[in-house]
PDB file of N, CA and C in Angstrom:
ATOM      1  N   MET A   1     -14.524   8.655 -27.542  1.00  0.00           N
ATOM      2  CA  MET A   1     -13.312   8.299 -26.831  1.00  0.00           C
ATOM      3  C   MET A   1     -13.660   7.998 -25.374  1.00  0.00           C
ATOM      4  N   VAL A   2     -13.248   6.826 -24.907  1.00  0.00           N
ATOM      5  CA  VAL A   2     -13.536   6.405 -23.545  1.00  0.00           C
ATOM      6  C   VAL A   2     -12.233   6.386 -22.761  1.00  0.00           C
ATOM      7  N   LEU A   3     -12.256   7.000 -21.582  1.00  0.00           N
ATOM      8  CA  LEU A   3     -11.089   7.040 -20.714  1.00  0.00           C
ATOM      9  C   LEU A   3     -11.372   6.182 -19.498  1.00  0.00           C
ATOM     10  N   SER A   4     -10.517   5.212 -19.256  1.00  0.00           N
ATOM     11  CA  SER A   4     -10.694   4.379 -18.074  1.00  0.00           C
ATOM     12  C   SER A   4      -9.500   4.582 -17.152  1.00  0.00           C
ATOM     13  N   ILE A   5      -9.781   4.625 -15.865  1.00  0.00           N
ATOM     14  CA  ILE A   5      -8.744   4.823 -14.865  1.00  0.00           C
ATOM     15  C   ILE A   5      -8.761   3.624 -13.928  1.00  0.00           C
ATOM     16  N   ASN A   6      -7.619   3.034 -13.727  1.00  0.00           N
ATOM     17  CA  ASN A   6      -7.498   1.948 -12.779  1.00  0.00           C
ATOM     18  C   ASN A   6      -7.518   2.551 -11.369  1.00  0.00           C
ATOM     19  N   VAL A   7      -8.418   2.076 -10.523  1.00  0.00           N
ATOM     20  CA  VAL A   7      -8.582   2.635  -9.185  1.00  0.00           C
ATOM     21  C   VAL A   7      -7.319   2.423  -8.359  1.00  0.00           C
ATOM     22  N   ALA A   8      -6.652   1.298  -8.527  1.00  0.00           N
ATOM     23  CA  ALA A   8      -5.426   1.040  -7.768  1.00  0.00           C
ATOM     24  C   ALA A   8      -4.335   2.046  -8.137  1.00  0.00           C
ATOM     25  N   VAL A   9      -4.220   2.378  -9.415  1.00  0.00           N
ATOM     26  CA  VAL A   9      -3.227   3.368  -9.839  1.00  0.00           C
ATOM     27  C   VAL A   9      -3.580   4.739  -9.280  1.00  0.00           C
ATOM     28  N   LEU A  10      -4.857   5.084  -9.313  1.00  0.00           N
ATOM     29  CA  LEU A  10      -5.290   6.359  -8.762  1.00  0.00           C
ATOM     30  C   LEU A  10      -4.988   6.445  -7.271  1.00  0.00           C
ATOM     31  N   LEU A  11      -5.255   5.387  -6.532  1.00  0.00           N
ATOM     32  CA  LEU A  11      -4.949   5.370  -5.101  1.00  0.00           C
ATOM     33  C   LEU A  11      -3.449   5.441  -4.856  1.00  0.00           C
ATOM     34  N   ALA A  12      -2.644   4.803  -5.693  1.00  0.00           N
ATOM     35  CA  ALA A  12      -1.189   4.886  -5.542  1.00  0.00           C
ATOM     36  C   ALA A  12      -0.714   6.322  -5.690  1.00  0.00           C
ATOM     37  N   VAL A  13      -1.281   7.050  -6.635  1.00  0.00           N
ATOM     38  CA  VAL A  13      -0.921   8.463  -6.812  1.00  0.00           C
ATOM     39  C   VAL A  13      -1.344   9.278  -5.589  1.00  0.00           C
ATOM     40  N   VAL A  14      -2.531   9.023  -5.077  1.00  0.00           N
ATOM     41  CA  VAL A  14      -3.004   9.738  -3.885  1.00  0.00           C
ATOM     42  C   VAL A  14      -2.094   9.451  -2.695  1.00  0.00           C
ATOM     43  N   ILE A  15      -1.662   8.202  -2.535  1.00  0.00           N
ATOM     44  CA  ILE A  15      -0.776   7.839  -1.431  1.00  0.00           C
ATOM     45  C   ILE A  15       0.547   8.576  -1.537  1.00  0.00           C
ATOM     46  N   VAL A  16       1.122   8.616  -2.726  1.00  0.00           N
ATOM     47  CA  VAL A  16       2.409   9.305  -2.909  1.00  0.00           C
ATOM     48  C   VAL A  16       2.267  10.788  -2.594  1.00  0.00           C
ATOM     49  N   VAL A  17       1.200  11.398  -3.057  1.00  0.00           N
ATOM     50  CA  VAL A  17       0.996  12.826  -2.800  1.00  0.00           C
ATOM     51  C   VAL A  17       0.819  13.091  -1.311  1.00  0.00           C
ATOM     52  N   ARG A  18       0.055  12.237  -0.633  1.00  0.00           N
ATOM     53  CA  ARG A  18      -0.179  12.434   0.801  1.00  0.00           C
ATOM     54  C   ARG A  18       1.088  12.208   1.618  1.00  0.00           C
ATOM     55  N   LEU A  19       1.916  11.252   1.228  1.00  0.00           N
ATOM     56  CA  LEU A  19       3.118  10.958   2.006  1.00  0.00           C
ATOM     57  C   LEU A  19       4.239  11.963   1.769  1.00  0.00           C
ATOM     58  N   ARG A  20       4.156  12.752   0.707  1.00  0.00           N
ATOM     59  CA  ARG A  20       5.176  13.753   0.435  1.00  0.00           C
ATOM     60  C   ARG A  20       5.028  14.983   1.325  1.00  0.00           C
ATOM     61  N   ARG A  21       3.882  15.132   1.970  1.00  0.00           N
ATOM     62  CA  ARG A  21       3.664  16.284   2.850  1.00  0.00           C
ATOM     63  C   ARG A  21       4.542  16.192   4.079  1.00  0.00           C
ATOM     64  N   ARG A  22       4.807  17.340   4.680  1.00  0.00           N
ATOM     65  CA  ARG A  22       5.635  17.358   5.890  1.00  0.00           C
ATOM     66  C   ARG A  22       4.922  16.650   7.036  1.00  0.00           C
ATOM     67  N   THR A  23       5.686  15.956   7.854  1.00  0.00           N
ATOM     68  CA  THR A  23       5.119  15.198   8.968  1.00  0.00           C
ATOM     69  C   THR A  23       4.481  16.113  10.003  1.00  0.00           C
ATOM     70  N   GLN A  24       5.088  17.270  10.251  1.00  0.00           N
ATOM     71  CA  GLN A  24       4.568  18.176  11.282  1.00  0.00           C
ATOM     72  C   GLN A  24       3.203  18.741  10.907  1.00  0.00           C
ATOM     73  N   ALA A  25       2.888  18.784   9.620  1.00  0.00           N
ATOM     74  CA  ALA A  25       1.629  19.378   9.174  1.00  0.00           C
ATOM     75  C   ALA A  25       0.455  18.404   9.265  1.00  0.00           C
ATOM     76  N   ARG A  26       0.697  17.171   9.657  1.00  0.00           N
ATOM     77  CA  ARG A  26      -0.375  16.176   9.684  1.00  0.00           C
ATOM     78  C   ARG A  26      -1.085  16.145  11.023  1.00  0.00           C
ATOM     79  N   LYS A  27      -2.375  15.946  10.948  1.00  0.00           N
ATOM     80  CA  LYS A  27      -3.178  15.761  12.155  1.00  0.00           C
ATOM     81  C   LYS A  27      -3.435  14.270  12.319  1.00  0.00           C
ATOM     82  N   ARG A  28      -3.962  13.902  13.455  1.00  0.00           N
ATOM     83  CA  ARG A  28      -4.236  12.488  13.717  1.00  0.00           C
ATOM     84  C   ARG A  28      -5.249  11.929  12.722  1.00  0.00           C
ATOM     85  N   THR A  29      -6.293  12.685  12.427  1.00  0.00           N
ATOM     86  CA  THR A  29      -7.300  12.210  11.479  1.00  0.00           C
ATOM     87  C   THR A  29      -6.720  12.091  10.070  1.00  0.00           C
ATOM     88  N   ASP A  30      -5.783  12.978   9.744  1.00  0.00           N
ATOM     89  CA  ASP A  30      -5.131  12.918   8.441  1.00  0.00           C
ATOM     90  C   ASP A  30      -4.305  11.637   8.319  1.00  0.00           C
ATOM     91  N   GLU A  31      -3.606  11.275   9.383  1.00  0.00           N
ATOM     92  CA  GLU A  31      -2.818  10.039   9.373  1.00  0.00           C
ATOM     93  C   GLU A  31      -3.726   8.821   9.300  1.00  0.00           C
ATOM     94  N   GLN A  32      -4.845   8.858  10.004  1.00  0.00           N
ATOM     95  CA  GLN A  32      -5.783   7.739   9.965  1.00  0.00           C
ATOM     96  C   GLN A  32      -6.373   7.572   8.567  1.00  0.00           C
ATOM     97  N   LEU A  33      -6.664   8.672   7.891  1.00  0.00           N
ATOM     98  CA  LEU A  33      -7.181   8.606   6.530  1.00  0.00           C
ATOM     99  C   LEU A  33      -6.136   8.005   5.591  1.00  0.00           C
ATOM    100  N   THR A  34      -4.865   8.380   5.780  1.00  0.00           N
ATOM    101  CA  THR A  34      -3.794   7.813   4.956  1.00  0.00           C
ATOM    102  C   THR A  34      -3.699   6.307   5.155  1.00  0.00           C
ATOM    103  N   VAL A  35      -3.793   5.855   6.390  1.00  0.00           N
ATOM    104  CA  VAL A  35      -3.748   4.418   6.682  1.00  0.00           C
ATOM    105  C   VAL A  35      -4.926   3.708   6.018  1.00  0.00           C
ATOM    106  N   LEU A  36      -6.101   4.297   6.075  1.00  0.00           N
ATOM    107  CA  LEU A  36      -7.278   3.699   5.445  1.00  0.00           C
ATOM    108  C   LEU A  36      -7.104   3.597   3.928  1.00  0.00           C
ATOM    109  N   ILE A  37      -6.559   4.644   3.318  1.00  0.00           N
ATOM    110  CA  ILE A  37      -6.323   4.624   1.875  1.00  0.00           C
ATOM    111  C   ILE A  37      -5.319   3.534   1.508  1.00  0.00           C
ATOM    112  N   VAL A  38      -4.265   3.391   2.306  1.00  0.00           N
ATOM    113  CA  VAL A  38      -3.260   2.360   2.036  1.00  0.00           C
ATOM    114  C   VAL A  38      -3.868   0.971   2.180  1.00  0.00           C
ATOM    115  N   LEU A  39      -4.729   0.768   3.164  1.00  0.00           N
ATOM    116  CA  LEU A  39      -5.387  -0.531   3.326  1.00  0.00           C
ATOM    117  C   LEU A  39      -6.293  -0.852   2.137  1.00  0.00           C
ATOM    118  N   VAL A  40      -7.050   0.122   1.668  1.00  0.00           N
ATOM    119  CA  VAL A  40      -7.907  -0.094   0.494  1.00  0.00           C
ATOM    120  C   VAL A  40      -7.044  -0.413  -0.723  1.00  0.00           C
ATOM    121  N   PHE A  41      -5.925   0.296  -0.865  1.00  0.00           N
ATOM    122  CA  PHE A  41      -4.996   0.030  -1.964  1.00  0.00           C
ATOM    123  C   PHE A  41      -4.504  -1.419  -1.894  1.00  0.00           C
ATOM    124  N   GLY A  42      -4.153  -1.879  -0.705  1.00  0.00           N
ATOM    125  CA  GLY A  42      -3.698  -3.259  -0.534  1.00  0.00           C
ATOM    126  C   GLY A  42      -4.756  -4.276  -0.927  1.00  0.00           C
ATOM    127  N   VAL A  43      -5.996  -3.997  -0.569  1.00  0.00           N
ATOM    128  CA  VAL A  43      -7.093  -4.906  -0.926  1.00  0.00           C
ATOM    129  C   VAL A  43      -7.291  -4.949  -2.438  1.00  0.00           C
ATOM    130  N   LEU A  44      -7.113  -3.811  -3.107  1.00  0.00           N
ATOM    131  CA  LEU A  44      -7.282  -3.775  -4.559  1.00  0.00           C
ATOM    132  C   LEU A  44      -6.138  -4.442  -5.308  1.00  0.00           C
ATOM    133  N   VAL A  45      -4.929  -4.365  -4.761  1.00  0.00           N
ATOM    134  CA  VAL A  45      -3.754  -4.882  -5.462  1.00  0.00           C
ATOM    135  C   VAL A  45      -3.540  -6.375  -5.215  1.00  0.00           C
ATOM    136  N   THR A  46      -3.957  -6.871  -4.064  1.00  0.00           N
ATOM    137  CA  THR A  46      -3.684  -8.255  -3.682  1.00  0.00           C
ATOM    138  C   THR A  46      -4.163  -9.297  -4.696  1.00  0.00           C
ATOM    139  N   PRO A  47      -5.350  -9.194  -5.290  1.00  0.00           N
ATOM    140  CA  PRO A  47      -5.782 -10.238  -6.225  1.00  0.00           C
ATOM    141  C   PRO A  47      -5.001 -10.262  -7.544  1.00  0.00           C
ATOM    142  N   THR A  48      -4.236  -9.230  -7.841  1.00  0.00           N
ATOM    143  CA  THR A  48      -3.496  -9.191  -9.096  1.00  0.00           C
ATOM    144  C   THR A  48      -2.235 -10.034  -9.005  1.00  0.00           C
ATOM    145  N   ALA A  49      -1.620 -10.329 -10.143  1.00  0.00           N
ATOM    146  CA  ALA A  49      -0.374 -11.097 -10.159  1.00  0.00           C
ATOM    147  C   ALA A  49       0.729 -10.336  -9.434  1.00  0.00           C
ATOM    148  N   PHE A  50       0.766  -9.012  -9.609  1.00  0.00           N
ATOM    149  CA  PHE A  50       1.759  -8.185  -8.923  1.00  0.00           C
ATOM    150  C   PHE A  50       1.586  -8.289  -7.410  1.00  0.00           C
ATOM    151  N   GLY A  51       0.346  -8.219  -6.936  1.00  0.00           N
ATOM    152  CA  GLY A  51       0.063  -8.321  -5.504  1.00  0.00           C
ATOM    153  C   GLY A  51       0.431  -9.686  -4.948  1.00  0.00           C
ATOM    154  N   GLN A  52       0.176 -10.743  -5.713  1.00  0.00           N
ATOM    155  CA  GLN A  52       0.541 -12.089  -5.272  1.00  0.00           C
ATOM    156  C   GLN A  52       2.052 -12.245  -5.186  1.00  0.00           C
ATOM    157  N   GLY A  53       2.776 -11.633  -6.121  1.00  0.00           N
ATOM    158  CA  GLY A  53       4.242 -11.663  -6.079  1.00  0.00           C
ATOM    159  C   GLY A  53       4.778 -10.979  -4.833  1.00  0.00           C
ATOM    160  N   ILE A  54       4.213  -9.824  -4.508  1.00  0.00           N
ATOM    161  CA  ILE A  54       4.625  -9.114  -3.293  1.00  0.00           C
ATOM    162  C   ILE A  54       4.310  -9.948  -2.065  1.00  0.00           C
ATOM    163  N   LEU A  55       3.138 -10.558  -2.041  1.00  0.00           N
ATOM    164  CA  LEU A  55       2.746 -11.401  -0.915  1.00  0.00           C
ATOM    165  C   LEU A  55       3.720 -12.562  -0.732  1.00  0.00           C
ATOM    166  N   ASN A  56       4.128 -13.184  -1.827  1.00  0.00           N
ATOM    167  CA  ASN A  56       5.088 -14.291  -1.740  1.00  0.00           C
ATOM    168  C   ASN A  56       6.438 -13.813  -1.219  1.00  0.00           C
ATOM    169  N   VAL A  57       6.917 -12.673  -1.700  1.00  0.00           N
ATOM    170  CA  VAL A  57       8.213 -12.152  -1.248  1.00  0.00           C
ATOM    171  C   VAL A  57       8.177 -11.816   0.234  1.00  0.00           C
ATOM    172  N   VAL A  58       7.117 -11.144   0.666  1.00  0.00           N
ATOM    173  CA  VAL A  58       6.997 -10.788   2.082  1.00  0.00           C
ATOM    174  C   VAL A  58       6.872 -12.042   2.939  1.00  0.00           C
ATOM    175  N   GLY A  59       6.131 -13.029   2.451  1.00  0.00           N
ATOM    176  CA  GLY A  59       6.012 -14.295   3.192  1.00  0.00           C
ATOM    177  C   GLY A  59       7.339 -15.006   3.335  1.00  0.00           C
ATOM    178  N   GLN A  60       8.139 -15.038   2.271  1.00  0.00           N
ATOM    179  CA  GLN A  60       9.457 -15.670   2.338  1.00  0.00           C
ATOM    180  C   GLN A  60      10.388 -14.899   3.272  1.00  0.00           C
ATOM    181  N   LEU A  61      10.302 -13.574   3.242  1.00  0.00           N
ATOM    182  CA  LEU A  61      11.116 -12.753   4.130  1.00  0.00           C
ATOM    183  C   LEU A  61      10.751 -13.008   5.589  1.00  0.00           C
ATOM    184  N   ALA A  62       9.464 -13.054   5.879  1.00  0.00           N
ATOM    185  CA  ALA A  62       9.008 -13.334   7.243  1.00  0.00           C
ATOM    186  C   ALA A  62       9.441 -14.733   7.685  1.00  0.00           C
ATOM    187  N   ASP A  63       9.368 -15.691   6.766  1.00  0.00           N
ATOM    188  CA  ASP A  63       9.812 -17.061   7.056  1.00  0.00           C
ATOM    189  C   ASP A  63      11.298 -17.089   7.393  1.00  0.00           C
ATOM    190  N   GLY A  64      12.098 -16.386   6.598  1.00  0.00           N
ATOM    191  CA  GLY A  64      13.539 -16.325   6.850  1.00  0.00           C
ATOM    192  C   GLY A  64      13.873 -15.693   8.178  1.00  0.00           C
ATOM    193  N   ILE A  65      13.166 -14.632   8.535  1.00  0.00           N
ATOM    194  CA  ILE A  65      13.394 -13.962   9.827  1.00  0.00           C
ATOM    195  C   ILE A  65      13.011 -14.890  10.968  1.00  0.00           C
ATOM    196  N   THR A  66      11.901 -15.596  10.812  1.00  0.00           N
ATOM    197  CA  THR A  66      11.456 -16.517  11.862  1.00  0.00           C
ATOM    198  C   THR A  66      12.450 -17.650  12.061  1.00  0.00           C
ATOM    199  N   GLN A  67      12.956 -18.207  10.951  1.00  0.00           N
ATOM    200  CA  GLN A  67      13.905 -19.325  11.061  1.00  0.00           C
ATOM    201  C   GLN A  67      15.255 -18.868  11.587  1.00  0.00           C
ATOM    202  N   SER A  68      15.667 -17.641  11.293  1.00  0.00           N
ATOM    203  CA  SER A  68      16.958 -17.158  11.788  1.00  0.00           C
ATOM    204  C   SER A  68      16.899 -16.878  13.287  1.00  0.00           C
ATOM    205  N   GLY A  69      15.711 -16.657  13.821  1.00  0.00           N
ATOM    206  CA  GLY A  69      15.559 -16.410  15.247  1.00  0.00           C
ATOM    207  C   GLY A  69      15.573 -17.682  16.083  1.00  0.00           C
ATOM    208  N   ARG A  70      15.514 -18.819  15.435  1.00  0.00           N
ATOM    209  CA  ARG A  70      15.474 -20.100  16.183  1.00  0.00           C
ATOM    210  C   ARG A  70      16.838 -20.610  16.490  1.00  0.00           C
TER     211      ARG A  70
END
């Protein structure tokens, strides 16, 4: 029996667990590590169809905000 774990799913679980902690209990290095984990998660998810869909939605939202400001 072979068990495979998707690294992006594992990182998503780690992110949720880290963000559920109280804000007062975090140190600066702890916050920096969380940001690094989220960035790695973004790099892993972006090439997938799901990541491309999110990228398109965020791009359209940014476009709409930019055009409404003109």
